[in-house]
């Protein structure tokens, strides 16, 4: 039998905004801005499905929710919804709002951290991936990216391995790679592959960071077209989705950097 609660969990947002607000939220991608009584933005978030995401805020269970989140829910008086065309558009909107508003309950994406670059090169040993603050002349690179460069390298290492060695698959990943543990330079070894295949991988990485993430994704899917196991396919698609988000964030930062340089020239 289901155990009955002696005292129901608090529902501060339902009490404040009404259940109709949550029922009528659009089932589309978008961003939401949580504001306090004075109208100040406390938190900005993005969602693939706004109704589903907002539903997670209906109950403020003190045993399951962090104290920081509980404090946020108690302070919110109004939630502003901004539907977007798709999840990537929502991600771009969220990133722009975070950098502009810097809400006090957001931690990631509001302040620039250490300048890190994702760098890569192809040589006789294979394809090297590195996260560095200083890029050597014989490396290609993208950035600065901040702490996101570390997660980006881990995602790319897994996808590139699968693209270059699809027969080995995820189970054949080098030790620690699935959980993102790498040495200072992560090398995908050539083994029996010819140099041309690695040069092709480098070219597709160029497409990825030139704003053509879908072209990179199609290359990975083509390389792994023989895969049939649901787990492998699900992980591949999740990695590609995350990579597409990284690509959008990189494009936004590049645009912001270009605008800052233009402003500096004008001044």
Protein backbone atom coordinates (compact mmCIF):
# COMPACT_ATOMS: atom_id res chain seq x y z
CA UNK A 1 0.00 0.00 0.00
CA UNK A 2 1.11 3.55 -0.72
CA UNK A 3 2.14 5.30 2.47
CA UNK A 4 0.02 8.37 3.22
CA UNK A 5 1.82 11.59 4.07
CA UNK A 6 0.96 13.05 7.45
CA UNK A 7 1.83 16.51 6.12
CA UNK A 8 1.74 17.16 2.35
CA UNK A 9 4.86 18.56 0.69
CA UNK A 10 4.93 22.36 0.32
CA UNK A 11 3.82 23.73 -3.07
CA UNK A 12 4.78 27.43 -2.89
CA UNK A 13 4.66 28.05 -6.64
CA UNK A 14 1.29 26.31 -7.10
CA UNK A 15 -0.13 28.40 -4.25
CA UNK A 16 1.31 31.59 -5.69
CA UNK A 17 0.75 31.08 -9.44
CA UNK A 18 -2.19 28.69 -9.40
CA UNK A 19 -2.46 25.18 -10.89
CA UNK A 20 -3.81 26.63 -14.14
CA UNK A 21 -0.41 28.24 -14.86
CA UNK A 22 1.27 24.83 -14.92
CA UNK A 23 -1.52 23.17 -16.92
CA UNK A 24 -1.47 25.89 -19.60
CA UNK A 25 2.31 26.12 -20.04
CA UNK A 26 3.24 25.36 -23.68
CA UNK A 27 4.60 21.91 -24.53
CA UNK A 28 7.38 23.41 -26.62
CA UNK A 29 10.98 24.43 -26.23
CA UNK A 30 11.71 27.74 -24.58
CA UNK A 31 13.23 29.62 -21.67
CA UNK A 32 11.70 30.66 -18.37
CA UNK A 33 12.64 33.59 -16.14
CA UNK A 34 11.84 33.37 -12.44
CA UNK A 35 11.28 36.82 -10.91
CA UNK A 36 10.87 38.06 -7.34
CA UNK A 37 8.32 40.54 -6.03
CA UNK A 38 10.36 43.49 -7.33
CA UNK A 39 10.58 41.94 -10.81
CA UNK A 40 14.27 41.06 -10.52
CA UNK A 41 15.25 37.92 -12.43
CA UNK A 42 16.40 35.31 -9.92
CA UNK A 43 16.90 32.36 -12.26
CA UNK A 44 16.92 31.62 -16.00
CA UNK A 45 16.44 28.11 -17.37
CA UNK A 46 15.80 26.43 -20.70
CA UNK A 47 13.65 23.44 -21.51
CA UNK A 48 12.87 21.10 -24.36
CA UNK A 49 9.29 21.00 -23.05
CA UNK A 50 8.32 23.98 -20.87
CA UNK A 51 5.26 22.33 -19.32
CA UNK A 52 7.20 19.24 -18.30
CA UNK A 53 10.13 21.25 -16.94
CA UNK A 54 7.95 23.62 -14.92
CA UNK A 55 6.10 20.62 -13.51
CA UNK A 56 9.28 19.67 -11.66
CA UNK A 57 8.92 22.89 -9.61
CA UNK A 58 5.38 22.15 -8.39
CA UNK A 59 6.49 20.32 -5.26
CA UNK A 60 9.20 21.66 -2.94
CA UNK A 61 10.15 18.51 -1.05
CA UNK A 62 12.84 19.47 1.49
CA UNK A 63 14.19 15.90 1.53
CA UNK A 64 14.71 15.71 -2.23
CA UNK A 65 15.54 19.28 -3.22
CA UNK A 66 18.71 21.24 -2.48
CA UNK A 67 18.41 24.08 0.02
CA UNK A 68 19.42 26.55 -2.66
CA UNK A 69 16.49 25.45 -4.85
CA UNK A 70 14.07 25.59 -1.93
CA UNK A 71 15.18 29.14 -1.19
CA UNK A 72 14.64 30.06 -4.84
CA UNK A 73 11.10 28.65 -4.93
CA UNK A 74 10.16 30.58 -1.81
CA UNK A 75 11.33 33.84 -3.38
CA UNK A 76 9.69 33.47 -6.81
CA UNK A 77 6.58 35.57 -7.37
CA UNK A 78 6.25 35.33 -11.14
CA UNK A 79 7.56 33.15 -13.99
CA UNK A 80 7.94 34.61 -17.46
CA UNK A 81 7.84 32.14 -20.37
CA UNK A 82 9.52 32.71 -23.73
CA UNK A 83 8.75 29.91 -26.23
CA UNK A 84 11.43 29.23 -28.87
CA UNK A 85 11.47 27.46 -32.23
CA UNK A 86 13.47 24.51 -30.91
CA UNK A 87 15.81 23.44 -28.12
CA UNK A 88 18.91 24.92 -29.75
CA UNK A 89 17.17 28.29 -30.11
CA UNK A 90 16.21 28.04 -26.44
CA UNK A 91 19.83 27.29 -25.55
CA UNK A 92 21.04 30.34 -27.44
CA UNK A 93 18.43 32.56 -25.78
CA UNK A 94 19.29 31.18 -22.34
CA UNK A 95 23.02 31.79 -22.86
CA UNK A 96 22.44 35.39 -23.95
CA UNK A 97 20.17 36.08 -20.95
CA UNK A 98 22.61 34.53 -18.49
CA UNK A 99 25.50 36.66 -19.67
CA UNK A 100 23.35 39.81 -19.65
CA UNK A 101 21.31 39.36 -16.45
CA UNK A 102 23.63 37.18 -14.32
CA UNK A 103 20.82 35.94 -12.03
CA UNK A 104 21.98 35.19 -8.51
CA UNK A 105 20.56 31.65 -8.45
CA UNK A 106 22.32 30.62 -11.67
CA UNK A 107 25.85 29.35 -11.31
CA UNK A 108 26.91 28.15 -14.76
CA UNK A 109 27.18 30.49 -17.72
CA UNK A 110 26.97 33.79 -15.84
CA UNK A 111 30.62 34.66 -15.25
CA UNK A 112 33.65 33.95 -17.42
CA UNK A 113 36.05 31.45 -15.85
CA UNK A 114 39.59 30.40 -16.70
CA UNK A 115 40.32 30.77 -20.41
CA UNK A 116 40.66 27.24 -21.80
CA UNK A 117 40.97 26.11 -25.39
CA UNK A 118 40.13 22.80 -26.99
CA UNK A 119 43.04 21.96 -29.30
CA UNK A 120 43.55 19.08 -31.71
CA UNK A 121 46.07 17.81 -34.25
CA UNK A 122 46.69 14.76 -36.44
CA UNK A 123 50.15 13.21 -36.56
CA UNK A 124 51.70 9.82 -37.22
CA UNK A 125 50.53 8.51 -33.84
CA UNK A 126 46.88 9.43 -34.30
CA UNK A 127 44.56 12.27 -33.33
CA UNK A 128 45.45 14.29 -30.22
CA UNK A 129 42.90 16.23 -28.15
CA UNK A 130 44.02 18.63 -25.44
CA UNK A 131 42.53 21.22 -23.09
CA UNK A 132 45.03 24.01 -22.66
CA UNK A 133 45.36 27.66 -21.71
CA UNK A 134 48.10 28.23 -24.29
CA UNK A 135 47.81 26.81 -27.82
CA UNK A 136 50.95 25.63 -29.63
CA UNK A 137 51.46 26.64 -33.27
CA UNK A 138 51.03 23.13 -34.71
CA UNK A 139 47.55 22.65 -33.19
CA UNK A 140 44.10 23.65 -34.43
CA UNK A 141 41.86 25.01 -31.70
CA UNK A 142 38.57 26.56 -30.66
CA UNK A 143 37.92 28.87 -27.72
CA UNK A 144 38.30 30.27 -25.18
CA UNK A 145 35.61 28.03 -23.69
CA UNK A 146 36.05 28.05 -19.93
CA UNK A 147 35.44 24.88 -17.94
CA UNK A 148 33.19 23.55 -20.71
CA UNK A 149 36.28 22.65 -22.71
CA UNK A 150 36.90 19.65 -20.42
CA UNK A 151 33.46 18.13 -20.98
CA UNK A 152 33.65 18.96 -24.68
CA UNK A 153 36.90 17.03 -25.07
CA UNK A 154 35.44 14.02 -23.26
CA UNK A 155 32.41 14.00 -25.57
CA UNK A 156 34.52 14.42 -28.69
CA UNK A 157 36.96 11.71 -27.64
CA UNK A 158 34.14 9.19 -27.29
CA UNK A 159 32.45 10.16 -30.56
CA UNK A 160 35.66 10.27 -32.58
CA UNK A 161 36.71 6.89 -31.21
CA UNK A 162 33.38 5.42 -32.29
CA UNK A 163 33.65 7.10 -35.69
CA UNK A 164 37.16 5.82 -36.29
CA UNK A 165 36.70 2.39 -34.67
CA UNK A 166 32.97 1.58 -34.97
CA UNK A 167 33.64 -2.14 -34.76
CA UNK A 168 35.13 -1.63 -31.27
CA UNK A 169 32.21 0.53 -30.17
CA UNK A 170 31.61 1.88 -26.70
CA UNK A 171 32.75 -1.32 -25.00
CA UNK A 172 36.12 -0.93 -26.68
CA UNK A 173 36.78 2.57 -25.37
CA UNK A 174 40.14 2.96 -23.60
CA UNK A 175 39.93 2.70 -19.81
CA UNK A 176 38.41 5.77 -18.18
CA UNK A 177 37.17 7.37 -21.40
CA UNK A 178 33.52 6.53 -20.88
CA UNK A 179 33.53 8.52 -17.62
CA UNK A 180 35.66 11.33 -19.09
CA UNK A 181 39.02 10.55 -17.46
CA UNK A 182 41.90 11.56 -19.74
CA UNK A 183 45.57 12.41 -19.57
CA UNK A 184 46.81 15.90 -20.40
CA UNK A 185 46.81 14.90 -24.08
CA UNK A 186 44.16 12.40 -25.10
CA UNK A 187 45.32 10.41 -28.14
CA UNK A 188 43.11 8.31 -30.39
CA UNK A 189 45.75 5.92 -31.75
CA UNK A 190 46.00 5.11 -35.43
CA UNK A 191 46.31 1.34 -34.97
CA UNK A 192 45.34 -0.16 -38.36
CA UNK A 193 43.69 3.02 -39.75
CA UNK A 194 45.41 4.95 -42.52
CA UNK A 195 46.39 8.60 -42.10
CA UNK A 196 43.73 9.74 -44.59
CA UNK A 197 40.90 8.57 -42.31
CA UNK A 198 42.30 10.65 -39.46
CA UNK A 199 42.69 13.65 -41.75
CA UNK A 200 39.03 13.19 -42.67
CA UNK A 201 38.11 13.23 -38.97
CA UNK A 202 40.05 16.47 -38.53
CA UNK A 203 38.14 18.00 -41.45
CA UNK A 204 34.80 17.04 -39.91
CA UNK A 205 35.86 18.64 -36.63
CA UNK A 206 36.41 21.81 -38.64
CA UNK A 207 32.82 21.54 -39.91
CA UNK A 208 31.57 21.16 -36.35
CA UNK A 209 33.19 24.33 -35.10
CA UNK A 210 32.31 26.26 -38.25
CA UNK A 211 28.62 25.99 -37.36
CA UNK A 212 27.84 22.77 -39.23
CA UNK A 213 27.21 20.45 -36.28
CA UNK A 214 24.64 18.42 -38.21
CA UNK A 215 27.23 17.60 -40.87
CA UNK A 216 29.54 16.24 -38.16
CA UNK A 217 26.63 14.28 -36.66
CA UNK A 218 25.77 12.70 -40.01
CA UNK A 219 29.40 11.63 -40.43
CA UNK A 220 29.35 9.91 -37.01
CA UNK A 221 26.02 8.23 -37.81
CA UNK A 222 27.36 7.07 -41.16
CA UNK A 223 30.48 5.58 -39.54
CA UNK A 224 28.38 3.76 -36.95
CA UNK A 225 25.54 2.74 -39.29
CA UNK A 226 26.18 -0.94 -38.47
CA UNK A 227 25.29 -0.41 -34.81
CA UNK A 228 22.03 -2.03 -33.71
CA UNK A 229 22.13 -2.26 -29.92
CA UNK A 230 19.66 0.22 -28.32
CA UNK A 231 22.15 1.25 -25.61
CA UNK A 232 24.87 2.13 -28.14
CA UNK A 233 22.43 4.09 -30.30
CA UNK A 234 20.96 5.95 -27.31
CA UNK A 235 24.40 6.95 -26.02
CA UNK A 236 25.48 8.06 -29.51
CA UNK A 237 22.43 10.28 -29.94
CA UNK A 238 22.75 11.74 -26.44
CA UNK A 239 26.41 12.58 -27.13
CA UNK A 240 25.56 14.20 -30.46
CA UNK A 241 22.78 16.24 -28.85
CA UNK A 242 25.14 17.47 -26.17
CA UNK A 243 27.73 18.29 -28.80
CA UNK A 244 25.20 20.36 -30.74
CA UNK A 245 24.56 22.39 -27.57
CA UNK A 246 28.30 22.97 -27.15
CA UNK A 247 28.52 24.15 -30.77
CA UNK A 248 25.73 26.70 -30.17
CA UNK A 249 27.43 28.00 -27.04
CA UNK A 250 30.73 28.33 -28.90
CA UNK A 251 29.04 30.25 -31.71
CA UNK A 252 27.41 32.60 -29.18
CA UNK A 253 30.74 33.26 -27.46
CA UNK A 254 32.43 33.89 -30.79
CA UNK A 255 29.73 36.40 -31.73
CA UNK A 256 30.01 38.14 -28.35
CA UNK A 257 33.78 38.32 -28.71
CA UNK A 258 33.46 39.81 -32.20
CA UNK A 259 31.00 42.40 -30.92
CA UNK A 260 33.35 43.33 -28.06
CA UNK A 261 36.19 43.81 -30.56
CA UNK A 262 33.98 45.98 -32.78
CA UNK A 263 33.00 48.12 -29.77
CA UNK A 264 36.66 48.49 -28.82
CA UNK A 265 37.51 49.70 -32.33
CA UNK A 266 34.69 52.25 -32.28
CA UNK A 267 35.71 53.60 -28.88
